[in-house]
Structures are given as structure tokens and as C-alpha cells.
C-alpha atoms as a PDB file:
ATOM      1  CA  UNK A   1      47.198  74.436 173.428  1.00  0.00           C
ATOM      2  CA  UNK A   2      45.123  75.200 176.508  1.00  0.00           C
ATOM      3  CA  UNK A   3      45.166  78.529 178.272  1.00  0.00           C
ATOM      4  CA  UNK A   4      42.915  79.763 181.077  1.00  0.00           C
ATOM      5  CA  UNK A   5      41.890  83.365 181.619  1.00  0.00           C
ATOM      6  CA  UNK A   6      40.452  84.830 184.819  1.00  0.00           C
ATOM      7  CA  UNK A   7      38.890  88.175 185.732  1.00  0.00           C
ATOM      8  CA  UNK A   8      41.301  90.824 187.002  1.00  0.00           C
ATOM      9  CA  UNK A   9      40.987  91.146 190.816  1.00  0.00           C
ATOM     10  CA  UNK A  10      41.989  94.828 190.610  1.00  0.00           C
ATOM     11  CA  UNK A  11      38.887  95.552 188.529  1.00  0.00           C
ATOM     12  CA  UNK A  12      36.604  94.112 191.241  1.00  0.00           C
ATOM     13  CA  UNK A  13      37.262  97.089 193.523  1.00  0.00           C
ATOM     14  CA  UNK A  14      36.207  99.466 190.734  1.00  0.00           C
ATOM     15  CA  UNK A  15      33.044  97.405 190.195  1.00  0.00           C
ATOM     16  CA  UNK A  16      32.228  97.530 193.941  1.00  0.00           C
ATOM     17  CA  UNK A  17      32.765 101.294 193.999  1.00  0.00           C
ATOM     18  CA  UNK A  18      30.380 101.710 191.046  1.00  0.00           C
ATOM     19  CA  UNK A  19      27.733  99.592 192.801  1.00  0.00           C
ATOM     20  CA  UNK A  20      27.969 101.669 195.983  1.00  0.00           C
ATOM     21  CA  UNK A  21      27.800 104.908 193.991  1.00  0.00           C
ATOM     22  CA  UNK A  22      24.783 103.697 192.021  1.00  0.00           C
ATOM     23  CA  UNK A  23      22.774 102.709 195.078  1.00  0.00           C
ATOM     24  CA  UNK A  24      23.984 105.651 197.174  1.00  0.00           C
ATOM     25  CA  UNK A  25      22.965 108.206 194.558  1.00  0.00           C
ATOM     26  CA  UNK A  26      19.678 106.389 193.939  1.00  0.00           C
ATOM     27  CA  UNK A  27      18.889 106.454 197.681  1.00  0.00           C
ATOM     28  CA  UNK A  28      19.740 110.143 198.025  1.00  0.00           C
ATOM     29  CA  UNK A  29      17.595 111.053 195.001  1.00  0.00           C
ATOM     30  CA  UNK A  30      14.692 108.948 196.322  1.00  0.00           C
ATOM     31  CA  UNK A  31      14.826 110.654 199.709  1.00  0.00           C
ATOM     32  CA  UNK A  32      14.918 114.115 198.110  1.00  0.00           C
ATOM     33  CA  UNK A  33      11.947 113.218 195.892  1.00  0.00           C
ATOM     34  CA  UNK A  34       9.988 111.987 198.936  1.00  0.00           C
ATOM     35  CA  UNK A  35      10.676 115.240 200.807  1.00  0.00           C
ATOM     36  CA  UNK A  36       9.730 117.369 197.769  1.00  0.00           C
ATOM     37  CA  UNK A  37       6.478 115.435 197.242  1.00  0.00           C
ATOM     38  CA  UNK A  38       5.719 115.684 200.965  1.00  0.00           C
ATOM     39  CA  UNK A  39       6.352 119.437 200.910  1.00  0.00           C
ATOM     40  CA  UNK A  40       4.227 119.951 197.758  1.00  0.00           C
ATOM     41  CA  UNK A  41       1.366 117.997 199.328  1.00  0.00           C
ATOM     42  CA  UNK A  42       1.474 120.351 202.295  1.00  0.00           C
ATOM     43  CA  UNK A  43       1.907 117.568 204.827  1.00  0.00           C
ATOM     44  CA  UNK A  44       4.076 118.480 207.783  1.00  0.00           C
ATOM     45  CA  UNK A  45       4.566 114.924 208.991  1.00  0.00           C
ATOM     46  CA  UNK A  46       7.645 113.369 207.351  1.00  0.00           C
ATOM     47  CA  UNK A  47       7.206 109.825 205.991  1.00  0.00           C
ATOM     48  CA  UNK A  48       9.374 108.055 208.548  1.00  0.00           C
ATOM     49  CA  UNK A  49       8.624 104.602 207.180  1.00  0.00           C
ATOM     50  CA  UNK A  50       9.872 105.517 203.681  1.00  0.00           C
ATOM     51  CA  UNK A  51      12.847 107.409 205.093  1.00  0.00           C
ATOM     52  CA  UNK A  52      13.896 104.356 207.096  1.00  0.00           C
ATOM     53  CA  UNK A  53      12.946 101.687 204.556  1.00  0.00           C
ATOM     54  CA  UNK A  54      14.689 103.125 201.488  1.00  0.00           C
ATOM     55  CA  UNK A  55      18.234 103.161 202.909  1.00  0.00           C
ATOM     56  CA  UNK A  56      17.772  99.724 204.451  1.00  0.00           C
ATOM     57  CA  UNK A  57      16.521  98.255 201.168  1.00  0.00           C
ATOM     58  CA  UNK A  58      19.284  99.900 199.186  1.00  0.00           C
ATOM     59  CA  UNK A  59      21.960  98.587 201.566  1.00  0.00           C
ATOM     60  CA  UNK A  60      20.526  95.057 201.264  1.00  0.00           C
ATOM     61  CA  UNK A  61      20.345  95.230 197.451  1.00  0.00           C
ATOM     62  CA  UNK A  62      23.851  96.727 197.180  1.00  0.00           C
ATOM     63  CA  UNK A  63      25.204  94.003 199.496  1.00  0.00           C
ATOM     64  CA  UNK A  64      23.626  91.282 197.377  1.00  0.00           C
ATOM     65  CA  UNK A  65      24.989  92.841 194.197  1.00  0.00           C
ATOM     66  CA  UNK A  66      28.515  93.036 195.638  1.00  0.00           C
ATOM     67  CA  UNK A  67      28.227  89.412 196.785  1.00  0.00           C
ATOM     68  CA  UNK A  68      27.229  88.326 193.272  1.00  0.00           C
ATOM     69  CA  UNK A  69      30.164  90.208 191.780  1.00  0.00           C
ATOM     70  CA  UNK A  70      32.599  88.558 194.225  1.00  0.00           C
ATOM     71  CA  UNK A  71      31.174  85.158 193.294  1.00  0.00           C
ATOM     72  CA  UNK A  72      31.592  85.953 189.600  1.00  0.00           C
ATOM     73  CA  UNK A  73      35.204  87.065 190.087  1.00  0.00           C
ATOM     74  CA  UNK A  74      36.039  83.938 192.095  1.00  0.00           C
ATOM     75  CA  UNK A  75      34.441  81.388 189.751  1.00  0.00           C
ATOM     76  CA  UNK A  76      34.706  82.882 186.250  1.00  0.00           C
ATOM     77  CA  UNK A  77      36.972  80.976 183.862  1.00  0.00           C
ATOM     78  CA  UNK A  78      37.540  81.450 180.142  1.00  0.00           C
ATOM     79  CA  UNK A  79      39.571  78.740 178.425  1.00  0.00           C
ATOM     80  CA  UNK A  80      40.971  78.642 174.921  1.00  0.00           C
ATOM     81  CA  UNK A  81      41.523  74.991 174.069  1.00  0.00           C
ATOM     82  CA  UNK A  82      42.217  73.657 170.574  1.00  0.00           C
ATOM     83  CA  UNK A  83      40.589  76.676 168.860  1.00  0.00           C
ATOM     84  CA  UNK A  84      37.476  76.457 171.061  1.00  0.00           C
ATOM     85  CA  UNK A  85      36.436  79.061 173.638  1.00  0.00           C
ATOM     86  CA  UNK A  86      34.990  77.522 176.829  1.00  0.00           C
ATOM     87  CA  UNK A  87      33.366  79.881 179.329  1.00  0.00           C
ATOM     88  CA  UNK A  88      32.363  78.898 182.879  1.00  0.00           C
ATOM     89  CA  UNK A  89      30.641  81.280 185.271  1.00  0.00           C
ATOM     90  CA  UNK A  90      28.324  80.956 188.263  1.00  0.00           C
ATOM     91  CA  UNK A  91      24.634  80.245 187.611  1.00  0.00           C
ATOM     92  CA  UNK A  92      25.168  79.673 183.868  1.00  0.00           C
ATOM     93  CA  UNK A  93      25.836  76.513 181.886  1.00  0.00           C
ATOM     94  CA  UNK A  94      29.224  75.995 180.290  1.00  0.00           C
ATOM     95  CA  UNK A  95      29.405  77.767 176.927  1.00  0.00           C
ATOM     96  CA  UNK A  96      31.534  76.549 174.009  1.00  0.00           C
ATOM     97  CA  UNK A  97      32.224  78.367 170.751  1.00  0.00           C
ATOM     98  CA  UNK A  98      34.634  77.133 168.099  1.00  0.00           C
ATOM     99  CA  UNK A  99      36.758  79.718 166.344  1.00  0.00           C
ATOM    100  CA  UNK A 100      35.659  78.184 163.036  1.00  0.00           C
ATOM    101  CA  UNK A 101      32.039  79.245 163.711  1.00  0.00           C
ATOM    102  CA  UNK A 102      32.928  82.921 164.281  1.00  0.00           C
ATOM    103  CA  UNK A 103      31.920  85.221 161.423  1.00  0.00           C
ATOM    104  CA  UNK A 104      32.651  88.602 162.984  1.00  0.00           C
ATOM    105  CA  UNK A 105      33.055  90.657 166.147  1.00  0.00           C
ATOM    106  CA  UNK A 106      31.473  93.630 167.859  1.00  0.00           C
ATOM    107  CA  UNK A 107      33.466  95.606 170.386  1.00  0.00           C
ATOM    108  CA  UNK A 108      31.584  97.460 173.112  1.00  0.00           C
ATOM    109  CA  UNK A 109      32.491  99.000 176.455  1.00  0.00           C
ATOM    110  CA  UNK A 110      31.656  95.646 178.102  1.00  0.00           C
ATOM    111  CA  UNK A 111      34.028  93.681 175.895  1.00  0.00           C
ATOM    112  CA  UNK A 112      34.287  91.812 172.626  1.00  0.00           C
ATOM    113  CA  UNK A 113      31.189  90.013 171.364  1.00  0.00           C
ATOM    114  CA  UNK A 114      31.535  87.227 168.819  1.00  0.00           C
ATOM    115  CA  UNK A 115      29.112  86.751 165.934  1.00  0.00           C
ATOM    116  CA  UNK A 116      28.301  83.544 164.099  1.00  0.00           C
ATOM    117  CA  UNK A 117      25.801  82.258 161.575  1.00  0.00           C
ATOM    118  CA  UNK A 118      23.441  81.582 164.507  1.00  0.00           C
ATOM    119  CA  UNK A 119      23.332  85.261 165.485  1.00  0.00           C
ATOM    120  CA  UNK A 120      25.122  88.241 166.950  1.00  0.00           C
ATOM    121  CA  UNK A 121      26.555  88.445 170.441  1.00  0.00           C
ATOM    122  CA  UNK A 122      26.603  84.682 170.906  1.00  0.00           C
ATOM    123  CA  UNK A 123      29.671  84.824 173.137  1.00  0.00           C
ATOM    124  CA  UNK A 124      31.405  87.585 175.063  1.00  0.00           C
ATOM    125  CA  UNK A 125      34.999  88.182 176.045  1.00  0.00           C
ATOM    126  CA  UNK A 126      34.731  90.592 178.998  1.00  0.00           C
ATOM    127  CA  UNK A 127      36.921  93.654 179.507  1.00  0.00           C
ATOM    128  CA  UNK A 128      37.209  92.655 183.161  1.00  0.00           C
ATOM    129  CA  UNK A 129      39.998  90.274 182.159  1.00  0.00           C
ATOM    130  CA  UNK A 130      43.521  91.540 182.675  1.00  0.00           C
ATOM    131  CA  UNK A 131      44.230  94.112 179.973  1.00  0.00           C
ATOM    132  CA  UNK A 132      47.058  92.087 178.408  1.00  0.00           C
ATOM    133  CA  UNK A 133      44.931  88.924 178.322  1.00  0.00           C
ATOM    134  CA  UNK A 134      41.963  90.776 176.795  1.00  0.00           C
ATOM    135  CA  UNK A 135      44.211  92.186 174.062  1.00  0.00           C
ATOM    136  CA  UNK A 136      45.731  88.738 173.482  1.00  0.00           C
ATOM    137  CA  UNK A 137      42.292  87.177 172.964  1.00  0.00           C
ATOM    138  CA  UNK A 138      41.202  90.091 170.777  1.00  0.00           C
ATOM    139  CA  UNK A 139      44.271  89.585 168.564  1.00  0.00           C
ATOM    140  CA  UNK A 140      43.712  85.817 168.373  1.00  0.00           C
ATOM    141  CA  UNK A 141      40.123  86.334 167.182  1.00  0.00           C
ATOM    142  CA  UNK A 142      41.089  89.068 164.701  1.00  0.00           C
ATOM    143  CA  UNK A 143      43.989  86.998 163.327  1.00  0.00           C
ATOM    144  CA  UNK A 144      41.665  84.031 162.877  1.00  0.00           C
ATOM    145  CA  UNK A 145      39.071  86.171 161.084  1.00  0.00           C
ATOM    146  CA  UNK A 146      41.764  87.665 158.827  1.00  0.00           C
ATOM    147  CA  UNK A 147      43.041  84.175 158.004  1.00  0.00           C
ATOM    148  CA  UNK A 148      39.482  83.014 157.356  1.00  0.00           C
ATOM    149  CA  UNK A 149      38.757  85.953 155.028  1.00  0.00           C
ATOM    150  CA  UNK A 150      41.977  85.242 153.090  1.00  0.00           C
ATOM    151  CA  UNK A 151      40.917  81.621 152.719  1.00  0.00           C
ATOM    152  CA  UNK A 152      37.448  82.684 151.569  1.00  0.00           C
ATOM    153  CA  UNK A 153      38.885  85.131 149.024  1.00  0.00           C
ATOM    154  CA  UNK A 154      41.217  82.384 147.736  1.00  0.00           C
ATOM    155  CA  UNK A 155      38.213  80.061 147.519  1.00  0.00           C
ATOM    156  CA  UNK A 156      36.309  82.747 145.587  1.00  0.00           C
ATOM    157  CA  UNK A 157      39.231  83.070 143.160  1.00  0.00           C
ATOM    158  CA  UNK A 158      39.249  79.293 142.761  1.00  0.00           C
ATOM    159  CA  UNK A 159      35.482  79.405 142.138  1.00  0.00           C
ATOM    160  CA  UNK A 160      35.950  82.048 139.447  1.00  0.00           C
ATOM    161  CA  UNK A 161      38.714  79.945 137.837  1.00  0.00           C
ATOM    162  CA  UNK A 162      36.433  76.889 137.982  1.00  0.00           C
ATOM    163  CA  UNK A 163      33.565  78.818 136.370  1.00  0.00           C
ATOM    164  CA  UNK A 164      35.917  80.025 133.615  1.00  0.00           C
ATOM    165  CA  UNK A 165      37.062  76.455 133.030  1.00  0.00           C
ATOM    166  CA  UNK A 166      33.449  75.266 132.855  1.00  0.00           C
ATOM    167  CA  UNK A 167      32.662  77.921 130.250  1.00  0.00           C
ATOM    168  CA  UNK A 168      35.581  76.669 128.186  1.00  0.00           C
ATOM    169  CA  UNK A 169      34.356  73.090 128.458  1.00  0.00           C
ATOM    170  CA  UNK A 170      30.908  74.199 127.313  1.00  0.00           C
ATOM    171  CA  UNK A 171      32.529  75.429 124.137  1.00  0.00           C
ATOM    172  CA  UNK A 172      34.511  72.190 123.664  1.00  0.00           C
ATOM    173  CA  UNK A 173      32.624  69.212 122.279  1.00  0.00           C
ATOM    174  CA  UNK A 174      33.632  65.702 121.246  1.00  0.00           C
ATOM    175  CA  UNK A 175      30.824  65.635 118.715  1.00  0.00           C
ATOM    176  CA  UNK A 176      31.518  66.767 115.168  1.00  0.00           C
ATOM    177  CA  UNK A 177      29.725  70.111 114.623  1.00  0.00           C
ATOM    178  CA  UNK A 178      27.713  68.694 111.709  1.00  0.00           C
ATOM    179  CA  UNK A 179      26.420  65.903 113.914  1.00  0.00           C
ATOM    180  CA  UNK A 180      25.215  68.345 116.573  1.00  0.00           C
ATOM    181  CA  UNK A 181      22.559  69.674 114.232  1.00  0.00           C
ATOM    182  CA  UNK A 182      21.194  66.270 113.176  1.00  0.00           C
ATOM    183  CA  UNK A 183      17.763  65.546 114.618  1.00  0.00           C
ATOM    184  CA  UNK A 184      17.201  62.449 116.631  1.00  0.00           C
ATOM    185  CA  UNK A 185      16.058  59.433 114.722  1.00  0.00           C
ATOM    186  CA  UNK A 186      12.915  57.855 116.036  1.00  0.00           C
ATOM    187  CA  UNK A 187      12.881  54.156 116.934  1.00  0.00           C
ATOM    188  CA  UNK A 188      10.533  53.262 114.021  1.00  0.00           C
ATOM    189  CA  UNK A 189      12.968  54.609 111.438  1.00  0.00           C
ATOM    190  CA  UNK A 190      15.698  52.244 112.552  1.00  0.00           C
ATOM    191  CA  UNK A 191      13.941  49.105 111.270  1.00  0.00           C
END
């Protein structure tokens, strides 16, 4: 079974709005700080270079950030193929994680991070997917982990049964009890 998941285009507009708010508020705060510092220093000449440069820089940085987000939304692809997650996104190599290597999860506001024996947060399922698709993937991972824990607990029960059987076999011997206490005969005594 192969299924592809893409980022929700409706969530891109929210991301753009957050970028503009972040840089807009940062620019306004920076300008206020410059005016306060200028006033405290007692200088009457306003710093025209800083006043002009800060908004221009912030517009350029915000534009680049929005461009990167658009690129991510256009080229991001998460595939679930034969119990393997495959993630493709711009400027990163393809990432593959098998469900069998997952040992746990961590849910954050950014999404669902998968844990394995190699470490925590080795792979992320972003919340920017469509809500139904995110929930579907979350349920697939949780169902797999539940199934895996059931298998492990059954294996542990089998291990306990095996250890009990081994204890019983330790008590069972094919040697007559009287013979067990006989010392070994040295090679010279056999002649």
C-alpha cells in the first residue's frame, strides 16, 4: 500500500500571516528602541540610516522566509509505502524510517516526532498536513506501537514459560542420583 501526503495549502496562509506579524512587530520594536536610545543619549538628530535600513532589511528577510515556505509547501511529500515512511522536502535528503524501528512517539505543537533505538525525534510528521491525514498517520503509528507492545508482552510471557521449563529440566536428570555423587576416576586407575 502506497499513500502520499502533502501539506495543507490552507495552512500556508496562516504561516505567511505569522511571518509578517513576526517581522512587523520586530521592526516596530526596533524602531521604538532606536528612538528611546536616541532620546536618552540627548541627541536631537534622528538616525535616518537605521530608520530606513531596518524596515528594508525586515521586508527582504520576510520575503525570503515566505518564499522558502512556499517552496516547502509545493515540494513537500510524505509517503507511507510498505510500512516505511519516506519524506521528501526541499534542501534535505530523502528520509526513510521503517515502522518496525519506531519505539515511541512525542507529540508537540509542531507535530508528531518518532523515536527509535538511534534516538529521539528522528522523524517528524508535521501538523501542517491536512487535519484528517495527520490524524490518520497518528493512528497508524499508535496502532503499530500497540501491536508491537502486545507482541513484546507475548514474547516476555513466552520467555517466562521458557525459563520455567529450563528450571524443570535442571531438576530432571538422566543420571541415577547415586551416580551423580561419584567422583571422577582418573585415567591411571583404569588400567
